[in-house]
């Protein structure tokens, strides 16, 4: 079941840490050659990320708050992915996010004039795959072995070993491995 949104107030220290991270990202992370995954993992972990040594993060990935990122063995985040980690984002074993996707853990309560921040974690379960240019919203869990097809918008949890697509994403078929 999707995680409920919860009201969040970010302290000044969060903004300060993100500012320092952005400078590190710009100077030491972004310019690195594609194969330098271990260096990028090191930088992310320096800012509190929990990343397995077999995980891959490409140089064009934008991580909003590394301390909210957890990547398990064999997981990967592809080129130009936006990891808007206001809340936790977890990629379990062999979970993959393809290029230009957007993992978004926050929104605002449009029912209130001051638009308070609302957040909920995102979990990509084992062997799941977010294909190119997919939006995954706050509180979503992508089921084990699940695939979300290109350019889809996921606002609800997906079931294990199913294929989803569209805007909003709907069940397409079972994922059967050959």
C-alpha atoms as a PDB file:
ATOM      1  CA  UNK A   1       0.000   0.000   0.000  1.00  0.00           C
ATOM      2  CA  UNK A   2       1.253   3.480  -0.878  1.00  0.00           C
ATOM      3  CA  UNK A   3       2.939   5.413   1.901  1.00  0.00           C
ATOM      4  CA  UNK A   4       0.812   8.293   3.214  1.00  0.00           C
ATOM      5  CA  UNK A   5       2.006  11.845   2.683  1.00  0.00           C
ATOM      6  CA  UNK A   6       3.161  13.603   5.829  1.00  0.00           C
ATOM      7  CA  UNK A   7       3.727  17.255   6.529  1.00  0.00           C
ATOM      8  CA  UNK A   8       7.369  18.227   6.657  1.00  0.00           C
ATOM      9  CA  UNK A   9       9.273  21.351   7.624  1.00  0.00           C
ATOM     10  CA  UNK A  10      12.893  21.418   6.515  1.00  0.00           C
ATOM     11  CA  UNK A  11      15.305  23.186   8.889  1.00  0.00           C
ATOM     12  CA  UNK A  12      17.918  25.714   7.808  1.00  0.00           C
ATOM     13  CA  UNK A  13      20.623  23.069   8.342  1.00  0.00           C
ATOM     14  CA  UNK A  14      19.020  21.019   5.544  1.00  0.00           C
ATOM     15  CA  UNK A  15      19.281  23.929   3.124  1.00  0.00           C
ATOM     16  CA  UNK A  16      22.885  24.549   4.165  1.00  0.00           C
ATOM     17  CA  UNK A  17      23.849  20.879   3.689  1.00  0.00           C
ATOM     18  CA  UNK A  18      22.127  20.820   0.283  1.00  0.00           C
ATOM     19  CA  UNK A  19      24.016  23.961  -0.757  1.00  0.00           C
ATOM     20  CA  UNK A  20      27.348  22.386   0.164  1.00  0.00           C
ATOM     21  CA  UNK A  21      26.330  19.153  -1.599  1.00  0.00           C
ATOM     22  CA  UNK A  22      25.409  21.109  -4.740  1.00  0.00           C
ATOM     23  CA  UNK A  23      28.882  22.652  -4.886  1.00  0.00           C
ATOM     24  CA  UNK A  24      30.479  19.214  -4.414  1.00  0.00           C
ATOM     25  CA  UNK A  25      28.153  17.790  -7.101  1.00  0.00           C
ATOM     26  CA  UNK A  26      29.074  20.585  -9.513  1.00  0.00           C
ATOM     27  CA  UNK A  27      32.842  20.461  -8.964  1.00  0.00           C
ATOM     28  CA  UNK A  28      33.651  16.839  -8.024  1.00  0.00           C
ATOM     29  CA  UNK A  29      30.700  14.635  -9.070  1.00  0.00           C
ATOM     30  CA  UNK A  30      29.287  15.925 -12.362  1.00  0.00           C
ATOM     31  CA  UNK A  31      32.564  16.292 -14.322  1.00  0.00           C
ATOM     32  CA  UNK A  32      33.709  12.708 -13.670  1.00  0.00           C
ATOM     33  CA  UNK A  33      34.078  10.186 -16.504  1.00  0.00           C
ATOM     34  CA  UNK A  34      31.279   7.608 -16.795  1.00  0.00           C
ATOM     35  CA  UNK A  35      33.299   4.647 -15.383  1.00  0.00           C
ATOM     36  CA  UNK A  36      34.131   6.443 -12.090  1.00  0.00           C
ATOM     37  CA  UNK A  37      31.218   4.910 -10.172  1.00  0.00           C
ATOM     38  CA  UNK A  38      33.282   4.269  -7.051  1.00  0.00           C
ATOM     39  CA  UNK A  39      34.271   7.962  -6.785  1.00  0.00           C
ATOM     40  CA  UNK A  40      30.645   9.079  -7.109  1.00  0.00           C
ATOM     41  CA  UNK A  41      29.559   6.470  -4.543  1.00  0.00           C
ATOM     42  CA  UNK A  42      32.239   7.816  -2.203  1.00  0.00           C
ATOM     43  CA  UNK A  43      30.995  11.403  -2.579  1.00  0.00           C
ATOM     44  CA  UNK A  44      27.370  10.406  -2.037  1.00  0.00           C
ATOM     45  CA  UNK A  45      28.292   8.354   1.044  1.00  0.00           C
ATOM     46  CA  UNK A  46      30.323  11.277   2.364  1.00  0.00           C
ATOM     47  CA  UNK A  47      26.989  13.121   2.470  1.00  0.00           C
ATOM     48  CA  UNK A  48      25.156  10.259   4.199  1.00  0.00           C
ATOM     49  CA  UNK A  49      23.941   8.030   1.361  1.00  0.00           C
ATOM     50  CA  UNK A  50      23.969   4.280   1.973  1.00  0.00           C
ATOM     51  CA  UNK A  51      25.221   2.691  -1.235  1.00  0.00           C
ATOM     52  CA  UNK A  52      26.447  -0.834  -1.906  1.00  0.00           C
ATOM     53  CA  UNK A  53      29.820  -1.011  -3.648  1.00  0.00           C
ATOM     54  CA  UNK A  54      28.237  -2.780  -6.649  1.00  0.00           C
ATOM     55  CA  UNK A  55      25.702   0.019  -7.287  1.00  0.00           C
ATOM     56  CA  UNK A  56      26.106   2.409 -10.216  1.00  0.00           C
ATOM     57  CA  UNK A  57      25.323   6.122 -10.290  1.00  0.00           C
ATOM     58  CA  UNK A  58      26.112   8.021 -13.470  1.00  0.00           C
ATOM     59  CA  UNK A  59      27.669  11.521 -13.501  1.00  0.00           C
ATOM     60  CA  UNK A  60      24.582  13.346 -14.799  1.00  0.00           C
ATOM     61  CA  UNK A  61      22.336  12.055 -11.990  1.00  0.00           C
ATOM     62  CA  UNK A  62      20.967  14.864  -9.790  1.00  0.00           C
ATOM     63  CA  UNK A  63      20.528  13.855  -6.144  1.00  0.00           C
ATOM     64  CA  UNK A  64      18.704  16.478  -4.051  1.00  0.00           C
ATOM     65  CA  UNK A  65      19.686  15.137  -0.607  1.00  0.00           C
ATOM     66  CA  UNK A  66      22.172  12.229  -0.604  1.00  0.00           C
ATOM     67  CA  UNK A  67      21.422  11.394   3.053  1.00  0.00           C
ATOM     68  CA  UNK A  68      17.984  10.163   1.902  1.00  0.00           C
ATOM     69  CA  UNK A  69      19.330   7.759  -0.746  1.00  0.00           C
ATOM     70  CA  UNK A  70      19.851   4.025  -0.195  1.00  0.00           C
ATOM     71  CA  UNK A  71      21.057   1.713  -2.964  1.00  0.00           C
ATOM     72  CA  UNK A  72      21.451  -2.042  -2.532  1.00  0.00           C
ATOM     73  CA  UNK A  73      23.660  -4.468  -4.466  1.00  0.00           C
ATOM     74  CA  UNK A  74      23.460  -4.327  -8.250  1.00  0.00           C
ATOM     75  CA  UNK A  75      21.136  -1.307  -8.321  1.00  0.00           C
ATOM     76  CA  UNK A  76      21.673   1.542 -10.737  1.00  0.00           C
ATOM     77  CA  UNK A  77      20.579   5.053 -11.606  1.00  0.00           C
ATOM     78  CA  UNK A  78      21.083   6.043 -15.239  1.00  0.00           C
ATOM     79  CA  UNK A  79      21.975   9.233 -17.044  1.00  0.00           C
ATOM     80  CA  UNK A  80      20.035  12.440 -16.329  1.00  0.00           C
ATOM     81  CA  UNK A  81      17.822  10.911 -13.635  1.00  0.00           C
ATOM     82  CA  UNK A  82      16.478  13.420 -11.105  1.00  0.00           C
ATOM     83  CA  UNK A  83      16.460  11.951  -7.584  1.00  0.00           C
ATOM     84  CA  UNK A  84      14.308  14.436  -5.656  1.00  0.00           C
ATOM     85  CA  UNK A  85      15.035  12.852  -2.295  1.00  0.00           C
ATOM     86  CA  UNK A  86      13.281  15.165   0.142  1.00  0.00           C
ATOM     87  CA  UNK A  87      12.216  11.862   1.781  1.00  0.00           C
ATOM     88  CA  UNK A  88      13.855   8.412   1.590  1.00  0.00           C
ATOM     89  CA  UNK A  89      14.439   6.718  -1.759  1.00  0.00           C
ATOM     90  CA  UNK A  90      15.433   3.058  -1.611  1.00  0.00           C
ATOM     91  CA  UNK A  91      16.602   0.967  -4.561  1.00  0.00           C
ATOM     92  CA  UNK A  92      16.696  -2.658  -3.518  1.00  0.00           C
ATOM     93  CA  UNK A  93      18.781  -5.436  -5.095  1.00  0.00           C
ATOM     94  CA  UNK A  94      19.104  -5.074  -8.892  1.00  0.00           C
ATOM     95  CA  UNK A  95      16.576  -2.223  -9.115  1.00  0.00           C
ATOM     96  CA  UNK A  96      17.280   0.051 -12.078  1.00  0.00           C
ATOM     97  CA  UNK A  97      16.206   3.537 -13.083  1.00  0.00           C
ATOM     98  CA  UNK A  98      16.787   4.469 -16.724  1.00  0.00           C
ATOM     99  CA  UNK A  99      17.684   7.819 -18.234  1.00  0.00           C
ATOM    100  CA  UNK A 100      15.648  10.995 -17.756  1.00  0.00           C
ATOM    101  CA  UNK A 101      13.373   9.537 -15.085  1.00  0.00           C
ATOM    102  CA  UNK A 102      12.203  11.570 -12.092  1.00  0.00           C
ATOM    103  CA  UNK A 103      11.869  10.068  -8.606  1.00  0.00           C
ATOM    104  CA  UNK A 104       9.845  12.620  -6.637  1.00  0.00           C
ATOM    105  CA  UNK A 105       9.270  12.200  -2.885  1.00  0.00           C
ATOM    106  CA  UNK A 106       7.601  15.563  -2.228  1.00  0.00           C
ATOM    107  CA  UNK A 107       4.654  17.727  -3.171  1.00  0.00           C
ATOM    108  CA  UNK A 108       2.649  20.519  -1.568  1.00  0.00           C
ATOM    109  CA  UNK A 109      -0.794  20.556   0.012  1.00  0.00           C
ATOM    110  CA  UNK A 110      -2.696  22.627  -2.556  1.00  0.00           C
ATOM    111  CA  UNK A 111      -5.751  22.701  -0.235  1.00  0.00           C
ATOM    112  CA  UNK A 112      -3.938  25.128   2.059  1.00  0.00           C
ATOM    113  CA  UNK A 113      -2.984  28.683   1.156  1.00  0.00           C
ATOM    114  CA  UNK A 114       0.565  28.372   2.541  1.00  0.00           C
ATOM    115  CA  UNK A 115       1.165  25.175   0.486  1.00  0.00           C
ATOM    116  CA  UNK A 116       2.923  23.146   3.208  1.00  0.00           C
ATOM    117  CA  UNK A 117       5.454  20.557   2.077  1.00  0.00           C
ATOM    118  CA  UNK A 118       4.235  16.934   2.030  1.00  0.00           C
ATOM    119  CA  UNK A 119       6.634  14.000   1.656  1.00  0.00           C
ATOM    120  CA  UNK A 120       6.584  10.211   1.439  1.00  0.00           C
ATOM    121  CA  UNK A 121       9.332   7.690   0.601  1.00  0.00           C
ATOM    122  CA  UNK A 122       9.774   5.811  -2.677  1.00  0.00           C
ATOM    123  CA  UNK A 123      10.842   2.154  -2.740  1.00  0.00           C
ATOM    124  CA  UNK A 124      11.978   0.278  -5.841  1.00  0.00           C
ATOM    125  CA  UNK A 125      11.797  -3.401  -4.917  1.00  0.00           C
ATOM    126  CA  UNK A 126      14.165  -6.156  -6.025  1.00  0.00           C
ATOM    127  CA  UNK A 127      14.632  -6.614  -9.790  1.00  0.00           C
ATOM    128  CA  UNK A 128      12.294  -3.727 -10.669  1.00  0.00           C
ATOM    129  CA  UNK A 129      12.985  -1.491 -13.641  1.00  0.00           C
ATOM    130  CA  UNK A 130      11.907   2.073 -14.236  1.00  0.00           C
ATOM    131  CA  UNK A 131      12.473   2.595 -17.968  1.00  0.00           C
ATOM    132  CA  UNK A 132      13.202   5.922 -19.703  1.00  0.00           C
ATOM    133  CA  UNK A 133      11.574   9.218 -18.737  1.00  0.00           C
ATOM    134  CA  UNK A 134       9.226   7.851 -16.056  1.00  0.00           C
ATOM    135  CA  UNK A 135       7.787   9.956 -13.217  1.00  0.00           C
ATOM    136  CA  UNK A 136       7.425   8.135  -9.874  1.00  0.00           C
ATOM    137  CA  UNK A 137       5.464  10.097  -7.275  1.00  0.00           C
ATOM    138  CA  UNK A 138       5.694  10.338  -3.488  1.00  0.00           C
ATOM    139  CA  UNK A 139       4.822   7.266  -1.443  1.00  0.00           C
ATOM    140  CA  UNK A 140       5.022   4.796  -4.336  1.00  0.00           C
ATOM    141  CA  UNK A 141       6.446   1.291  -3.996  1.00  0.00           C
ATOM    142  CA  UNK A 142       7.420  -0.404  -7.257  1.00  0.00           C
ATOM    143  CA  UNK A 143       6.822  -4.130  -6.810  1.00  0.00           C
ATOM    144  CA  UNK A 144       9.523  -6.786  -7.110  1.00  0.00           C
ATOM    145  CA  UNK A 145      10.277  -7.597 -10.747  1.00  0.00           C
ATOM    146  CA  UNK A 146       7.888  -4.882 -11.903  1.00  0.00           C
ATOM    147  CA  UNK A 147       8.610  -2.882 -15.074  1.00  0.00           C
ATOM    148  CA  UNK A 148       7.271   0.593 -15.767  1.00  0.00           C
ATOM    149  CA  UNK A 149       7.303   1.458 -19.466  1.00  0.00           C
ATOM    150  CA  UNK A 150       8.795   4.633 -20.943  1.00  0.00           C
ATOM    151  CA  UNK A 151       7.174   8.007 -20.308  1.00  0.00           C
ATOM    152  CA  UNK A 152       4.745   6.646 -17.726  1.00  0.00           C
ATOM    153  CA  UNK A 153       3.524   8.403 -14.588  1.00  0.00           C
ATOM    154  CA  UNK A 154       3.329   6.221 -11.473  1.00  0.00           C
ATOM    155  CA  UNK A 155       1.201   7.558  -8.617  1.00  0.00           C
ATOM    156  CA  UNK A 156       0.180   4.247  -7.036  1.00  0.00           C
ATOM    157  CA  UNK A 157       2.046   1.101  -5.979  1.00  0.00           C
ATOM    158  CA  UNK A 158       2.694  -1.571  -8.590  1.00  0.00           C
ATOM    159  CA  UNK A 159       2.275  -5.303  -8.011  1.00  0.00           C
ATOM    160  CA  UNK A 160       5.142  -7.796  -8.222  1.00  0.00           C
ATOM    161  CA  UNK A 161       6.180  -9.125 -11.646  1.00  0.00           C
ATOM    162  CA  UNK A 162       3.795  -6.960 -13.661  1.00  0.00           C
ATOM    163  CA  UNK A 163       4.314  -4.477 -16.507  1.00  0.00           C
ATOM    164  CA  UNK A 164       2.771  -1.004 -16.232  1.00  0.00           C
ATOM    165  CA  UNK A 165       2.524   1.903 -18.635  1.00  0.00           C
ATOM    166  CA  UNK A 166       0.694   5.113 -19.415  1.00  0.00           C
ATOM    167  CA  UNK A 167      -0.340   8.295 -17.666  1.00  0.00           C
ATOM    168  CA  UNK A 168      -1.427   7.367 -15.114  1.00  0.00           C
ATOM    169  CA  UNK A 169       0.344   4.009 -15.272  1.00  0.00           C
ATOM    170  CA  UNK A 170      -1.984   1.019 -15.519  1.00  0.00           C
ATOM    171  CA  UNK A 171      -1.403  -2.735 -15.575  1.00  0.00           C
ATOM    172  CA  UNK A 172      -0.451  -3.923 -19.089  1.00  0.00           C
ATOM    173  CA  UNK A 173       0.520  -7.585 -18.643  1.00  0.00           C
ATOM    174  CA  UNK A 174       2.340 -10.046 -16.420  1.00  0.00           C
ATOM    175  CA  UNK A 175       6.116 -10.001 -16.636  1.00  0.00           C
ATOM    176  CA  UNK A 176       7.154 -13.513 -17.584  1.00  0.00           C
ATOM    177  CA  UNK A 177      10.872 -14.251 -17.870  1.00  0.00           C
ATOM    178  CA  UNK A 178      12.076 -16.609 -20.574  1.00  0.00           C
END
